[in-house]
Amino acid sequence: MAKCEQLKKNLEGCTCTYTACERRGACCACVAHHRGVGQLPGCFFPPEAEKDYDRSARHYVEVMRGRV
Protein backbone atom coordinates (compact mmCIF):
# COMPACT_ATOMS: atom_id res chain seq x y z
CA MET A 1 0.00 0.00 0.00
CA ALA A 2 1.32 3.42 -0.95
CA LYS A 3 1.96 5.95 1.79
CA CYS A 4 -1.04 8.22 2.40
CA GLU A 5 0.04 11.82 2.81
CA GLN A 6 -3.30 12.70 4.44
CA LEU A 7 -3.32 9.80 6.92
CA LYS A 8 -3.05 11.89 10.08
CA LYS A 9 -5.76 14.32 8.94
CA ASN A 10 -7.98 11.47 7.73
CA LEU A 11 -7.68 9.63 11.04
CA GLU A 12 -8.94 12.69 12.90
CA GLY A 13 -12.29 12.40 11.13
CA CYS A 14 -12.45 8.66 10.52
CA THR A 15 -15.68 7.22 11.91
CA CYS A 16 -14.86 3.57 11.26
CA THR A 17 -14.86 1.62 14.51
CA TYR A 18 -12.68 -1.20 13.13
CA THR A 19 -9.45 0.24 14.50
CA ALA A 20 -7.34 -2.82 13.67
CA CYS A 21 -7.77 -2.26 9.92
CA GLU A 22 -4.50 -1.54 8.13
CA ARG A 23 -6.37 0.78 5.73
CA ARG A 24 -7.97 2.94 8.44
CA GLY A 25 -7.37 6.58 7.56
CA ALA A 26 -5.99 5.69 4.13
CA CYS A 27 -9.26 6.53 2.40
CA CYS A 28 -8.18 5.69 -1.15
CA ALA A 29 -7.08 2.22 -0.08
CA CYS A 30 -10.18 1.75 2.07
CA VAL A 31 -12.61 2.70 -0.70
CA ALA A 32 -10.73 0.55 -3.24
CA HIS A 33 -10.78 -2.45 -0.88
CA HIS A 34 -14.48 -2.21 -0.08
CA ARG A 35 -15.40 -1.57 -3.70
CA GLY A 36 -13.39 -4.63 -4.71
CA VAL A 37 -15.40 -6.86 -2.39
CA GLY A 38 -18.78 -5.32 -3.25
CA GLN A 39 -19.13 -3.23 -0.09
CA LEU A 40 -19.21 0.36 1.06
CA PRO A 41 -16.71 1.77 3.59
CA GLY A 42 -17.87 2.16 7.18
CA CYS A 43 -17.68 5.95 6.99
CA PHE A 44 -20.63 5.98 4.58
CA PHE A 45 -22.91 4.67 7.34
CA PRO A 46 -24.34 6.57 10.29
CA PRO A 47 -22.62 5.63 13.59
CA GLU A 48 -25.34 3.30 14.87
CA ALA A 49 -25.36 1.30 11.61
CA GLU A 50 -21.58 1.28 11.13
CA LYS A 51 -20.93 -0.63 14.33
CA ASP A 52 -22.50 -3.87 13.07
CA TYR A 53 -19.89 -4.16 10.27
CA ASP A 54 -22.50 -4.99 7.61
CA ARG A 55 -20.98 -3.02 4.73
CA SER A 56 -23.32 -4.33 2.03
CA ALA A 57 -25.08 -1.99 -0.38
CA ARG A 58 -28.38 -3.63 0.63
CA HIS A 59 -27.80 -2.70 4.28
CA TYR A 60 -26.79 0.83 3.31
CA VAL A 61 -30.01 1.36 1.34
CA GLU A 62 -32.11 -0.04 4.20
CA VAL A 63 -30.38 2.19 6.73
CA MET A 64 -30.64 5.31 4.61
CA ARG A 65 -34.28 4.68 3.75
CA GLY A 66 -35.02 4.58 7.45
CA ARG A 67 -33.30 7.95 8.00
CA VAL A 68 -35.31 9.96 5.48
C-alpha atoms as a PDB file:
ATOM      1  CA  MET A   1       0.000   0.000   0.000  1.00  0.00           C
ATOM      2  CA  ALA A   2       1.325   3.423  -0.950  1.00  0.00           C
ATOM      3  CA  LYS A   3       1.962   5.949   1.791  1.00  0.00           C
ATOM      4  CA  CYS A   4      -1.037   8.215   2.401  1.00  0.00           C
ATOM      5  CA  GLU A   5       0.040  11.822   2.813  1.00  0.00           C
ATOM      6  CA  GLN A   6      -3.305  12.701   4.439  1.00  0.00           C
ATOM      7  CA  LEU A   7      -3.316   9.800   6.919  1.00  0.00           C
ATOM      8  CA  LYS A   8      -3.047  11.895  10.082  1.00  0.00           C
ATOM      9  CA  LYS A   9      -5.758  14.319   8.944  1.00  0.00           C
ATOM     10  CA  ASN A  10      -7.983  11.474   7.732  1.00  0.00           C
ATOM     11  CA  LEU A  11      -7.684   9.628  11.043  1.00  0.00           C
ATOM     12  CA  GLU A  12      -8.942  12.693  12.901  1.00  0.00           C
ATOM     13  CA  GLY A  13     -12.295  12.402  11.133  1.00  0.00           C
ATOM     14  CA  CYS A  14     -12.446   8.659  10.517  1.00  0.00           C
ATOM     15  CA  THR A  15     -15.675   7.219  11.906  1.00  0.00           C
ATOM     16  CA  CYS A  16     -14.863   3.565  11.255  1.00  0.00           C
ATOM     17  CA  THR A  17     -14.857   1.620  14.511  1.00  0.00           C
ATOM     18  CA  TYR A  18     -12.676  -1.201  13.133  1.00  0.00           C
ATOM     19  CA  THR A  19      -9.451   0.243  14.504  1.00  0.00           C
ATOM     20  CA  ALA A  20      -7.338  -2.818  13.668  1.00  0.00           C
ATOM     21  CA  CYS A  21      -7.772  -2.262   9.923  1.00  0.00           C
ATOM     22  CA  GLU A  22      -4.499  -1.535   8.127  1.00  0.00           C
ATOM     23  CA  ARG A  23      -6.366   0.780   5.730  1.00  0.00           C
ATOM     24  CA  ARG A  24      -7.974   2.937   8.438  1.00  0.00           C
ATOM     25  CA  GLY A  25      -7.368   6.576   7.563  1.00  0.00           C
ATOM     26  CA  ALA A  26      -5.985   5.693   4.133  1.00  0.00           C
ATOM     27  CA  CYS A  27      -9.257   6.530   2.404  1.00  0.00           C
ATOM     28  CA  CYS A  28      -8.176   5.689  -1.150  1.00  0.00           C
ATOM     29  CA  ALA A  29      -7.082   2.221  -0.079  1.00  0.00           C
ATOM     30  CA  CYS A  30     -10.181   1.749   2.067  1.00  0.00           C
ATOM     31  CA  VAL A  31     -12.610   2.696  -0.698  1.00  0.00           C
ATOM     32  CA  ALA A  32     -10.730   0.552  -3.236  1.00  0.00           C
ATOM     33  CA  HIS A  33     -10.783  -2.446  -0.876  1.00  0.00           C
ATOM     34  CA  HIS A  34     -14.483  -2.214  -0.079  1.00  0.00           C
ATOM     35  CA  ARG A  35     -15.404  -1.569  -3.700  1.00  0.00           C
ATOM     36  CA  GLY A  36     -13.390  -4.627  -4.708  1.00  0.00           C
ATOM     37  CA  VAL A  37     -15.395  -6.857  -2.394  1.00  0.00           C
ATOM     38  CA  GLY A  38     -18.782  -5.318  -3.247  1.00  0.00           C
ATOM     39  CA  GLN A  39     -19.128  -3.235  -0.091  1.00  0.00           C
ATOM     40  CA  LEU A  40     -19.214   0.363   1.065  1.00  0.00           C
ATOM     41  CA  PRO A  41     -16.715   1.775   3.587  1.00  0.00           C
ATOM     42  CA  GLY A  42     -17.875   2.160   7.177  1.00  0.00           C
ATOM     43  CA  CYS A  43     -17.680   5.954   6.990  1.00  0.00           C
ATOM     44  CA  PHE A  44     -20.625   5.977   4.577  1.00  0.00           C
ATOM     45  CA  PHE A  45     -22.907   4.673   7.340  1.00  0.00           C
ATOM     46  CA  PRO A  46     -24.344   6.568  10.291  1.00  0.00           C
ATOM     47  CA  PRO A  47     -22.619   5.631  13.586  1.00  0.00           C
ATOM     48  CA  GLU A  48     -25.341   3.299  14.871  1.00  0.00           C
ATOM     49  CA  ALA A  49     -25.356   1.303  11.613  1.00  0.00           C
ATOM     50  CA  GLU A  50     -21.579   1.283  11.131  1.00  0.00           C
ATOM     51  CA  LYS A  51     -20.931  -0.631  14.326  1.00  0.00           C
ATOM     52  CA  ASP A  52     -22.501  -3.872  13.075  1.00  0.00           C
ATOM     53  CA  TYR A  53     -19.891  -4.160  10.275  1.00  0.00           C
ATOM     54  CA  ASP A  54     -22.498  -4.994   7.608  1.00  0.00           C
ATOM     55  CA  ARG A  55     -20.980  -3.021   4.725  1.00  0.00           C
ATOM     56  CA  SER A  56     -23.317  -4.330   2.032  1.00  0.00           C
ATOM     57  CA  ALA A  57     -25.081  -1.993  -0.377  1.00  0.00           C
ATOM     58  CA  ARG A  58     -28.378  -3.626   0.631  1.00  0.00           C
ATOM     59  CA  HIS A  59     -27.803  -2.704   4.278  1.00  0.00           C
ATOM     60  CA  TYR A  60     -26.786   0.834   3.308  1.00  0.00           C
ATOM     61  CA  VAL A  61     -30.015   1.359   1.336  1.00  0.00           C
ATOM     62  CA  GLU A  62     -32.105  -0.045   4.204  1.00  0.00           C
ATOM     63  CA  VAL A  63     -30.384   2.191   6.732  1.00  0.00           C
ATOM     64  CA  MET A  64     -30.638   5.309   4.606  1.00  0.00           C
ATOM     65  CA  ARG A  65     -34.282   4.678   3.750  1.00  0.00           C
ATOM     66  CA  GLY A  66     -35.022   4.580   7.451  1.00  0.00           C
ATOM     67  CA  ARG A  67     -33.301   7.946   8.000  1.00  0.00           C
ATOM     68  CA  VAL A  68     -35.314   9.961   5.477  1.00  0.00           C
END
